[in-house]
PDB file of N, CA and C in Angstrom:
ATOM      1  N   UNK A   1      32.515  67.361 157.313  1.00  0.00           N
ATOM      2  CA  UNK A   1      33.268  68.475 156.782  1.00  0.00           C
ATOM      3  C   UNK A   1      33.729  69.337 157.955  1.00  0.00           C
ATOM      4  N   UNK A   2      34.960  69.664 157.946  1.00  0.00           N
ATOM      5  CA  UNK A   2      35.529  70.450 159.028  1.00  0.00           C
ATOM      6  C   UNK A   2      35.435  71.922 158.681  1.00  0.00           C
ATOM      7  N   UNK A   3      35.061  72.731 159.644  1.00  0.00           N
ATOM      8  CA  UNK A   3      35.023  74.178 159.413  1.00  0.00           C
ATOM      9  C   UNK A   3      36.307  74.795 159.890  1.00  0.00           C
ATOM     10  N   UNK A   4      36.632  75.868 159.238  1.00  0.00           N
ATOM     11  CA  UNK A   4      37.856  76.598 159.582  1.00  0.00           C
ATOM     12  C   UNK A   4      37.434  78.012 159.945  1.00  0.00           C
ATOM     13  N   UNK A   5      38.011  78.542 160.933  1.00  0.00           N
ATOM     14  CA  UNK A   5      37.711  79.915 161.314  1.00  0.00           C
ATOM     15  C   UNK A   5      38.830  80.821 160.808  1.00  0.00           C
ATOM     16  N   UNK A   6      38.407  81.859 160.055  1.00  0.00           N
ATOM     17  CA  UNK A   6      39.376  82.830 159.561  1.00  0.00           C
ATOM     18  C   UNK A   6      39.863  83.675 160.722  1.00  0.00           C
ATOM     19  N   UNK A   7      41.047  84.158 160.549  1.00  0.00           N
ATOM     20  CA  UNK A   7      41.590  85.045 161.575  1.00  0.00           C
ATOM     21  C   UNK A   7      40.933  86.416 161.451  1.00  0.00           C
ATOM     22  N   UNK A   8      41.034  87.207 162.486  1.00  0.00           N
ATOM     23  CA  UNK A   8      40.489  88.570 162.453  1.00  0.00           C
ATOM     24  C   UNK A   8      41.140  89.386 161.343  1.00  0.00           C
ATOM     25  N   UNK A   9      42.405  89.176 161.149  1.00  0.00           N
ATOM     26  CA  UNK A   9      43.123  89.886 160.094  1.00  0.00           C
ATOM     27  C   UNK A   9      42.596  89.500 158.714  1.00  0.00           C
ATOM     28  N   UNK A  10      42.337  88.221 158.493  1.00  0.00           N
ATOM     29  CA  UNK A  10      41.797  87.745 157.211  1.00  0.00           C
ATOM     30  C   UNK A  10      40.392  88.302 156.995  1.00  0.00           C
ATOM     31  N   UNK A  11      39.569  88.275 158.042  1.00  0.00           N
ATOM     32  CA  UNK A  11      38.223  88.836 157.929  1.00  0.00           C
ATOM     33  C   UNK A  11      38.279  90.329 157.633  1.00  0.00           C
ATOM     34  N   UNK A  12      39.196  91.028 158.282  1.00  0.00           N
ATOM     35  CA  UNK A  12      39.363  92.459 158.047  1.00  0.00           C
ATOM     36  C   UNK A  12      39.778  92.711 156.603  1.00  0.00           C
ATOM     37  N   UNK A  13      40.649  91.906 156.057  1.00  0.00           N
ATOM     38  CA  UNK A  13      41.085  92.043 154.661  1.00  0.00           C
ATOM     39  C   UNK A  13      39.912  91.836 153.715  1.00  0.00           C
ATOM     40  N   UNK A  14      39.077  90.852 153.980  1.00  0.00           N
ATOM     41  CA  UNK A  14      37.899  90.574 153.145  1.00  0.00           C
ATOM     42  C   UNK A  14      36.930  91.747 153.221  1.00  0.00           C
ATOM     43  N   UNK A  15      36.674  92.252 154.424  1.00  0.00           N
ATOM     44  CA  UNK A  15      35.761  93.391 154.594  1.00  0.00           C
ATOM     45  C   UNK A  15      36.289  94.636 153.866  1.00  0.00           C
ATOM     46  N   UNK A  16      37.588  94.840 153.962  1.00  0.00           N
ATOM     47  CA  UNK A  16      38.199  95.991 153.293  1.00  0.00           C
ATOM     48  C   UNK A  16      37.993  95.907 151.783  1.00  0.00           C
ATOM     49  N   UNK A  17      38.185  94.730 151.227  1.00  0.00           N
ATOM     50  CA  UNK A  17      37.984  94.538 149.785  1.00  0.00           C
ATOM     51  C   UNK A  17      36.513  94.763 149.425  1.00  0.00           C
ATOM     52  N   UNK A  18      35.593  94.237 150.231  1.00  0.00           N
ATOM     53  CA  UNK A  18      34.166  94.434 149.979  1.00  0.00           C
ATOM     54  C   UNK A  18      33.801  95.920 150.037  1.00  0.00           C
ATOM     55  N   UNK A  19      34.339  96.624 151.004  1.00  0.00           N
ATOM     56  CA  UNK A  19      34.085  98.061 151.121  1.00  0.00           C
ATOM     57  C   UNK A  19      34.668  98.814 149.932  1.00  0.00           C
ATOM     58  N   UNK A  20      35.852  98.395 149.511  1.00  0.00           N
ATOM     59  CA  UNK A  20      36.467  99.029 148.337  1.00  0.00           C
ATOM     60  C   UNK A  20      35.589  98.844 147.099  1.00  0.00           C
ATOM     61  N   UNK A  21      35.076  97.626 146.891  1.00  0.00           N
ATOM     62  CA  UNK A  21      34.169  97.374 145.771  1.00  0.00           C
ATOM     63  C   UNK A  21      32.926  98.248 145.882  1.00  0.00           C
ATOM     64  N   UNK A  22      32.380  98.329 147.066  1.00  0.00           N
ATOM     65  CA  UNK A  22      31.183  99.131 147.286  1.00  0.00           C
ATOM     66  C   UNK A  22      31.442 100.606 147.003  1.00  0.00           C
ATOM     67  N   UNK A  23      32.555 101.107 147.510  1.00  0.00           N
ATOM     68  CA  UNK A  23      32.911 102.517 147.297  1.00  0.00           C
ATOM     69  C   UNK A  23      33.102 102.819 145.820  1.00  0.00           C
ATOM     70  N   UNK A  24      33.848 101.978 145.143  1.00  0.00           N
ATOM     71  CA  UNK A  24      34.093 102.199 143.710  1.00  0.00           C
ATOM     72  C   UNK A  24      32.788 102.062 142.928  1.00  0.00           C
ATOM     73  N   UNK A  25      31.940 101.131 143.313  1.00  0.00           N
ATOM     74  CA  UNK A  25      30.650 100.967 142.634  1.00  0.00           C
ATOM     75  C   UNK A  25      29.796 102.215 142.757  1.00  0.00           C
ATOM     76  N   UNK A  26      29.743 102.782 143.959  1.00  0.00           N
ATOM     77  CA  UNK A  26      28.975 104.012 144.172  1.00  0.00           C
ATOM     78  C   UNK A  26      29.571 105.157 143.361  1.00  0.00           C
ATOM     79  N   UNK A  27      30.889 105.270 143.361  1.00  0.00           N
ATOM     80  CA  UNK A  27      31.549 106.325 142.591  1.00  0.00           C
ATOM     81  C   UNK A  27      31.290 106.180 141.107  1.00  0.00           C
ATOM     82  N   UNK A  28      31.266 104.939 140.632  1.00  0.00           N
ATOM     83  CA  UNK A  28      31.006 104.694 139.219  1.00  0.00           C
ATOM     84  C   UNK A  28      29.581 105.119 138.852  1.00  0.00           C
ATOM     85  N   UNK A  29      28.627 104.799 139.694  1.00  0.00           N
ATOM     86  CA  UNK A  29      27.237 105.209 139.449  1.00  0.00           C
ATOM     87  C   UNK A  29      27.138 106.733 139.450  1.00  0.00           C
ATOM     88  N   UNK A  30      27.788 107.387 140.416  1.00  0.00           N
ATOM     89  CA  UNK A  30      27.771 108.850 140.472  1.00  0.00           C
ATOM     90  C   UNK A  30      28.399 109.448 139.223  1.00  0.00           C
ATOM     91  N   UNK A  31      29.472 108.847 138.764  1.00  0.00           N
ATOM     92  CA  UNK A  31      30.130 109.318 137.551  1.00  0.00           C
ATOM     93  C   UNK A  31      29.216 109.177 136.338  1.00  0.00           C
ATOM     94  N   UNK A  32      28.532 108.050 136.234  1.00  0.00           N
ATOM     95  CA  UNK A  32      27.621 107.838 135.099  1.00  0.00           C
ATOM     96  C   UNK A  32      26.470 108.836 135.139  1.00  0.00           C
ATOM     97  N   UNK A  33      25.968 109.124 136.331  1.00  0.00           N
ATOM     98  CA  UNK A  33      24.887 110.112 136.462  1.00  0.00           C
ATOM     99  C   UNK A  33      25.396 111.493 136.050  1.00  0.00           C
ATOM    100  N   UNK A  34      26.589 111.852 136.520  1.00  0.00           N
ATOM    101  CA  UNK A  34      27.166 113.148 136.157  1.00  0.00           C
ATOM    102  C   UNK A  34      27.394 113.236 134.651  1.00  0.00           C
ATOM    103  N   UNK A  35      27.864 112.167 134.070  1.00  0.00           N
ATOM    104  CA  UNK A  35      28.116 112.153 132.621  1.00  0.00           C
ATOM    105  C   UNK A  35      26.807 112.321 131.853  1.00  0.00           C
ATOM    106  N   UNK A  36      25.771 111.623 132.288  1.00  0.00           N
ATOM    107  CA  UNK A  36      24.463 111.724 131.629  1.00  0.00           C
ATOM    108  C   UNK A  36      23.951 113.162 131.714  1.00  0.00           C
ATOM    109  N   UNK A  37      24.073 113.772 132.899  1.00  0.00           N
ATOM    110  CA  UNK A  37      23.644 115.156 133.063  1.00  0.00           C
ATOM    111  C   UNK A  37      24.449 116.085 132.167  1.00  0.00           C
ATOM    112  N   UNK A  38      25.749 115.838 132.076  1.00  0.00           N
ATOM    113  CA  UNK A  38      26.615 116.670 131.234  1.00  0.00           C
ATOM    114  C   UNK A  38      26.233 116.531 129.762  1.00  0.00           C
ATOM    115  N   UNK A  39      25.938 115.321 129.346  1.00  0.00           N
ATOM    116  CA  UNK A  39      25.546 115.090 127.953  1.00  0.00           C
ATOM    117  C   UNK A  39      24.226 115.791 127.646  1.00  0.00           C
ATOM    118  N   UNK A  40      23.283 115.742 128.591  1.00  0.00           N
ATOM    119  CA  UNK A  40      22.004 116.420 128.392  1.00  0.00           C
ATOM    120  C   UNK A  40      22.205 117.927 128.335  1.00  0.00           C
ATOM    121  N   UNK A  41      23.077 118.436 129.202  1.00  0.00           N
ATOM    122  CA  UNK A  41      23.367 119.869 129.216  1.00  0.00           C
ATOM    123  C   UNK A  41      24.024 120.292 127.903  1.00  0.00           C
ATOM    124  N   UNK A  42      24.973 119.488 127.427  1.00  0.00           N
ATOM    125  CA  UNK A  42      25.650 119.783 126.165  1.00  0.00           C
ATOM    126  C   UNK A  42      24.657 119.783 125.006  1.00  0.00           C
ATOM    127  N   UNK A  43      23.752 118.839 125.003  1.00  0.00           N
ATOM    128  CA  UNK A  43      22.724 118.786 123.959  1.00  0.00           C
ATOM    129  C   UNK A  43      21.864 120.042 123.988  1.00  0.00           C
ATOM    130  N   UNK A  44      21.477 120.465 125.193  1.00  0.00           N
ATOM    131  CA  UNK A  44      20.666 121.684 125.328  1.00  0.00           C
ATOM    132  C   UNK A  44      21.442 122.901 124.831  1.00  0.00           C
ATOM    133  N   UNK A  45      22.741 122.973 125.146  1.00  0.00           N
ATOM    134  CA  UNK A  45      23.562 124.084 124.672  1.00  0.00           C
ATOM    135  C   UNK A  45      23.679 124.084 123.152  1.00  0.00           C
ATOM    136  N   UNK A  46      23.840 122.911 122.573  1.00  0.00           N
ATOM    137  CA  UNK A  46      23.948 122.807 121.117  1.00  0.00           C
ATOM    138  C   UNK A  46      22.654 123.256 120.453  1.00  0.00           C
ATOM    139  N   UNK A  47      21.505 122.888 121.037  1.00  0.00           N
ATOM    140  CA  UNK A  47      20.219 123.315 120.487  1.00  0.00           C
ATOM    141  C   UNK A  47      20.057 124.827 120.589  1.00  0.00           C
ATOM    142  N   UNK A  48      20.468 125.384 121.733  1.00  0.00           N
ATOM    143  CA  UNK A  48      20.379 126.833 121.911  1.00  0.00           C
ATOM    144  C   UNK A  48      21.297 127.560 120.932  1.00  0.00           C
ATOM    145  N   UNK A  49      22.497 127.008 120.728  1.00  0.00           N
ATOM    146  CA  UNK A  49      23.428 127.595 119.774  1.00  0.00           C
ATOM    147  C   UNK A  49      22.833 127.595 118.363  1.00  0.00           C
ATOM    148  N   UNK A  50      22.181 126.500 118.005  1.00  0.00           N
ATOM    149  CA  UNK A  50      21.551 126.417 116.690  1.00  0.00           C
ATOM    150  C   UNK A  50      20.431 127.455 116.562  1.00  0.00           C
ATOM    151  N   UNK A  51      19.639 127.614 117.631  1.00  0.00           N
ATOM    152  CA  UNK A  51      18.563 128.605 117.601  1.00  0.00           C
ATOM    153  C   UNK A  51      19.115 130.019 117.454  1.00  0.00           C
ATOM    154  N   UNK A  52      20.236 130.302 118.155  1.00  0.00           N
ATOM    155  CA  UNK A  52      20.847 131.633 118.034  1.00  0.00           C
ATOM    156  C   UNK A  52      21.349 131.861 116.608  1.00  0.00           C
ATOM    157  N   UNK A  53      21.907 130.833 116.008  1.00  0.00           N
ATOM    158  CA  UNK A  53      22.354 130.944 114.621  1.00  0.00           C
ATOM    159  C   UNK A  53      21.195 131.243 113.684  1.00  0.00           C
ATOM    160  N   UNK A  54      20.069 130.582 113.921  1.00  0.00           N
ATOM    161  CA  UNK A  54      18.879 130.817 113.098  1.00  0.00           C
ATOM    162  C   UNK A  54      18.366 132.242 113.302  1.00  0.00           C
ATOM    163  N   UNK A  55      18.410 132.732 114.539  1.00  0.00           N
ATOM    164  CA  UNK A  55      17.967 134.109 114.802  1.00  0.00           C
ATOM    165  C   UNK A  55      18.876 135.108 114.112  1.00  0.00           C
ATOM    166  N   UNK A  56      20.184 134.835 114.127  1.00  0.00           N
ATOM    167  CA  UNK A  56      21.121 135.723 113.432  1.00  0.00           C
ATOM    168  C   UNK A  56      20.795 135.772 111.945  1.00  0.00           C
ATOM    169  N   UNK A  57      20.487 134.620 111.362  1.00  0.00           N
ATOM    170  CA  UNK A  57      20.113 134.587 109.943  1.00  0.00           C
ATOM    171  C   UNK A  57      18.850 135.402 109.693  1.00  0.00           C
ATOM    172  N   UNK A  58      17.873 135.309 110.594  1.00  0.00           N
ATOM    173  CA  UNK A  58      16.631 136.086 110.460  1.00  0.00           C
ATOM    174  C   UNK A  58      16.920 137.583 110.537  1.00  0.00           C
ATOM    175  N   UNK A  59      17.772 137.976 111.494  1.00  0.00           N
ATOM    176  CA  UNK A  59      18.116 139.394 111.636  1.00  0.00           C
ATOM    177  C   UNK A  59      18.868 139.882 110.411  1.00  0.00           C
ATOM    178  N   UNK A  60      19.785 139.067 109.889  1.00  0.00           N
ATOM    179  CA  UNK A  60      20.515 139.436 108.673  1.00  0.00           C
ATOM    180  C   UNK A  60      19.551 139.658 107.514  1.00  0.00           C
ATOM    181  N   UNK A  61      18.560 138.805 107.398  1.00  0.00           N
ATOM    182  CA  UNK A  61      17.581 138.940 106.316  1.00  0.00           C
ATOM    183  C   UNK A  61      16.759 140.217 106.491  1.00  0.00           C
ATOM    184  N   UNK A  62      16.349 140.519 107.724  1.00  0.00           N
ATOM    185  CA  UNK A  62      15.599 141.761 107.989  1.00  0.00           C
ATOM    186  C   UNK A  62      16.452 142.986 107.648  1.00  0.00           C
ATOM    187  N   UNK A  63      17.736 142.915 108.044  1.00  0.00           N
ATOM    188  CA  UNK A  63      18.646 144.024 107.757  1.00  0.00           C
ATOM    189  C   UNK A  63      18.792 144.220 106.248  1.00  0.00           C
ATOM    190  N   UNK A  64      18.932 143.127 105.540  1.00  0.00           N
ATOM    191  CA  UNK A  64      19.079 143.193 104.079  1.00  0.00           C
ATOM    192  C   UNK A  64      17.836 143.815 103.440  1.00  0.00           C
ATOM    193  N   UNK A  65      16.672 143.378 103.881  1.00  0.00           N
ATOM    194  CA  UNK A  65      15.422 143.909 103.326  1.00  0.00           C
ATOM    195  C   UNK A  65      15.258 145.394 103.638  1.00  0.00           C
ATOM    196  N   UNK A  66      15.586 145.791 104.883  1.00  0.00           N
ATOM    197  CA  UNK A  66      15.468 147.193 105.262  1.00  0.00           C
ATOM    198  C   UNK A  66      16.457 148.043 104.472  1.00  0.00           C
ATOM    199  N   UNK A  67      17.680 147.552 104.325  1.00  0.00           N
ATOM    200  CA  UNK A  67      18.693 148.287 103.568  1.00  0.00           C
ATOM    201  C   UNK A  67      18.239 148.489 102.127  1.00  0.00           C
ATOM    202  N   UNK A  68      17.717 147.439 101.512  1.00  0.00           N
ATOM    203  CA  UNK A  68      17.233 147.559 100.133  1.00  0.00           C
ATOM    204  C   UNK A  68      16.087 148.558 100.042  1.00  0.00           C
ATOM    205  N   UNK A  69      15.177 148.499 101.007  1.00  0.00           N
ATOM    206  CA  UNK A  69      14.032 149.409 101.012  1.00  0.00           C
ATOM    207  C   UNK A  69      14.476 150.864 101.172  1.00  0.00           C
ATOM    208  N   UNK A  70      15.382 151.102 102.118  1.00  0.00           N
ATOM    209  CA  UNK A  70      15.859 152.467 102.347  1.00  0.00           C
ATOM    210  C   UNK A  70      16.701 152.967 101.187  1.00  0.00           C
ATOM    211  N   UNK A  71      17.513 152.075 100.585  1.00  0.00           N
ATOM    212  CA  UNK A  71      18.294 152.472  99.409  1.00  0.00           C
ATOM    213  C   UNK A  71      17.385 152.838  98.253  1.00  0.00           C
ATOM    214  N   UNK A  72      16.297 152.091  98.080  1.00  0.00           N
ATOM    215  CA  UNK A  72      15.340 152.413  97.013  1.00  0.00           C
ATOM    216  C   UNK A  72      14.683 153.768  97.275  1.00  0.00           C
ATOM    217  N   UNK A  73      14.396 154.055  98.528  1.00  0.00           N
ATOM    218  CA  UNK A  73      13.693 155.291  98.881  1.00  0.00           C
ATOM    219  C   UNK A  73      14.619 156.498  98.904  1.00  0.00           C
ATOM    220  N   UNK A  74      15.822 156.335  99.509  1.00  0.00           N
ATOM    221  CA  UNK A  74      16.705 157.483  99.708  1.00  0.00           C
ATOM    222  C   UNK A  74      18.000 157.431  98.904  1.00  0.00           C
ATOM    223  N   UNK A  75      18.302 156.300  98.326  1.00  0.00           N
ATOM    224  CA  UNK A  75      19.569 156.139  97.643  1.00  0.00           C
ATOM    225  C   UNK A  75      20.613 155.633  98.622  1.00  0.00           C
ATOM    226  N   UNK A  76      21.822 155.431  98.101  1.00  0.00           N
ATOM    227  CA  UNK A  76      22.910 154.924  98.930  1.00  0.00           C
ATOM    228  C   UNK A  76      23.550 156.097  99.654  1.00  0.00           C
ATOM    229  N   UNK A  77      23.856 155.920 100.927  1.00  0.00           N
ATOM    230  CA  UNK A  77      24.476 156.994 101.701  1.00  0.00           C
ATOM    231  C   UNK A  77      24.787 156.504 103.098  1.00  0.00           C
ATOM    232  N   UNK A  78      24.887 157.463 104.011  1.00  0.00           N
ATOM    233  CA  UNK A  78      25.180 157.098 105.392  1.00  0.00           C
ATOM    234  C   UNK A  78      24.187 157.778 106.321  1.00  0.00           C
ATOM    235  N   UNK A  79      23.929 157.101 107.437  1.00  0.00           N
ATOM    236  CA  UNK A  79      22.957 157.578 108.404  1.00  0.00           C
ATOM    237  C   UNK A  79      23.657 157.838 109.728  1.00  0.00           C
ATOM    238  N   UNK A  80      23.400 159.013 110.288  1.00  0.00           N
ATOM    239  CA  UNK A  80      23.882 159.319 111.643  1.00  0.00           C
ATOM    240  C   UNK A  80      22.780 158.875 112.590  1.00  0.00           C
ATOM    241  N   UNK A  81      23.034 157.800 113.316  1.00  0.00           N
ATOM    242  CA  UNK A  81      22.011 157.227 114.202  1.00  0.00           C
ATOM    243  C   UNK A  81      21.673 158.168 115.352  1.00  0.00           C
ATOM    244  N   UNK A  82      22.587 159.075 115.703  1.00  0.00           N
ATOM    245  CA  UNK A  82      22.321 160.012 116.800  1.00  0.00           C
ATOM    246  C   UNK A  82      21.323 161.079 116.407  1.00  0.00           C
ATOM    247  N   UNK A  83      21.513 161.624 115.223  1.00  0.00           N
ATOM    248  CA  UNK A  83      20.649 162.728 114.777  1.00  0.00           C
ATOM    249  C   UNK A  83      19.523 162.262 113.856  1.00  0.00           C
ATOM    250  N   UNK A  84      19.685 161.087 113.265  1.00  0.00           N
ATOM    251  CA  UNK A  84      18.696 160.610 112.307  1.00  0.00           C
ATOM    252  C   UNK A  84      18.881 161.219 110.934  1.00  0.00           C
ATOM    253  N   UNK A  85      19.972 161.955 110.727  1.00  0.00           N
ATOM    254  CA  UNK A  85      20.197 162.608 109.441  1.00  0.00           C
ATOM    255  C   UNK A  85      20.870 161.627 108.468  1.00  0.00           C
ATOM    256  N   UNK A  86      20.381 161.642 107.249  1.00  0.00           N
ATOM    257  CA  UNK A  86      20.902 160.801 106.178  1.00  0.00           C
ATOM    258  C   UNK A  86      21.653 161.682 105.193  1.00  0.00           C
ATOM    259  N   UNK A  87      22.843 161.236 104.838  1.00  0.00           N
ATOM    260  CA  UNK A  87      23.664 161.967 103.848  1.00  0.00           C
ATOM    261  C   UNK A  87      23.885 161.042 102.659  1.00  0.00           C
ATOM    262  N   UNK A  88      23.276 161.415 101.489  1.00  0.00           N
ATOM    263  CA  UNK A  88      23.471 160.566 100.311  1.00  0.00           C
ATOM    264  C   UNK A  88      24.903 160.640  99.801  1.00  0.00           C
ATOM    265  N   UNK A  89      25.342 159.532  99.209  1.00  0.00           N
ATOM    266  CA  UNK A  89      26.664 159.534  98.571  1.00  0.00           C
ATOM    267  C   UNK A  89      26.599 160.359  97.319  1.00  0.00           C
ATOM    268  N   UNK A  90      27.709 161.040  97.007  1.00  0.00           N
ATOM    269  CA  UNK A  90      27.709 161.877  95.806  1.00  0.00           C
ATOM    270  C   UNK A  90      27.999 161.074  94.590  1.00  0.00           C
TER     271      UNK A  90
END
């Protein structure tokens, strides 16, 4: 079997293609890692958003209960938060 020697230009072309594959492969791995991190971050944000929604519901319920309690005690009216004075509706 006879061997053939590639030219320097041919070898350079092969090396360039190999380097290109290597570079793109590394970039693809980096992209997948970044995507995974982004997905995990998005999941964490969605969970936090859900928790904030649940807290808002809890606060709304507390507000409703307090309003009912104060209305039962003082009647319907308005409160000046600065002075603490309550003025019943006529």
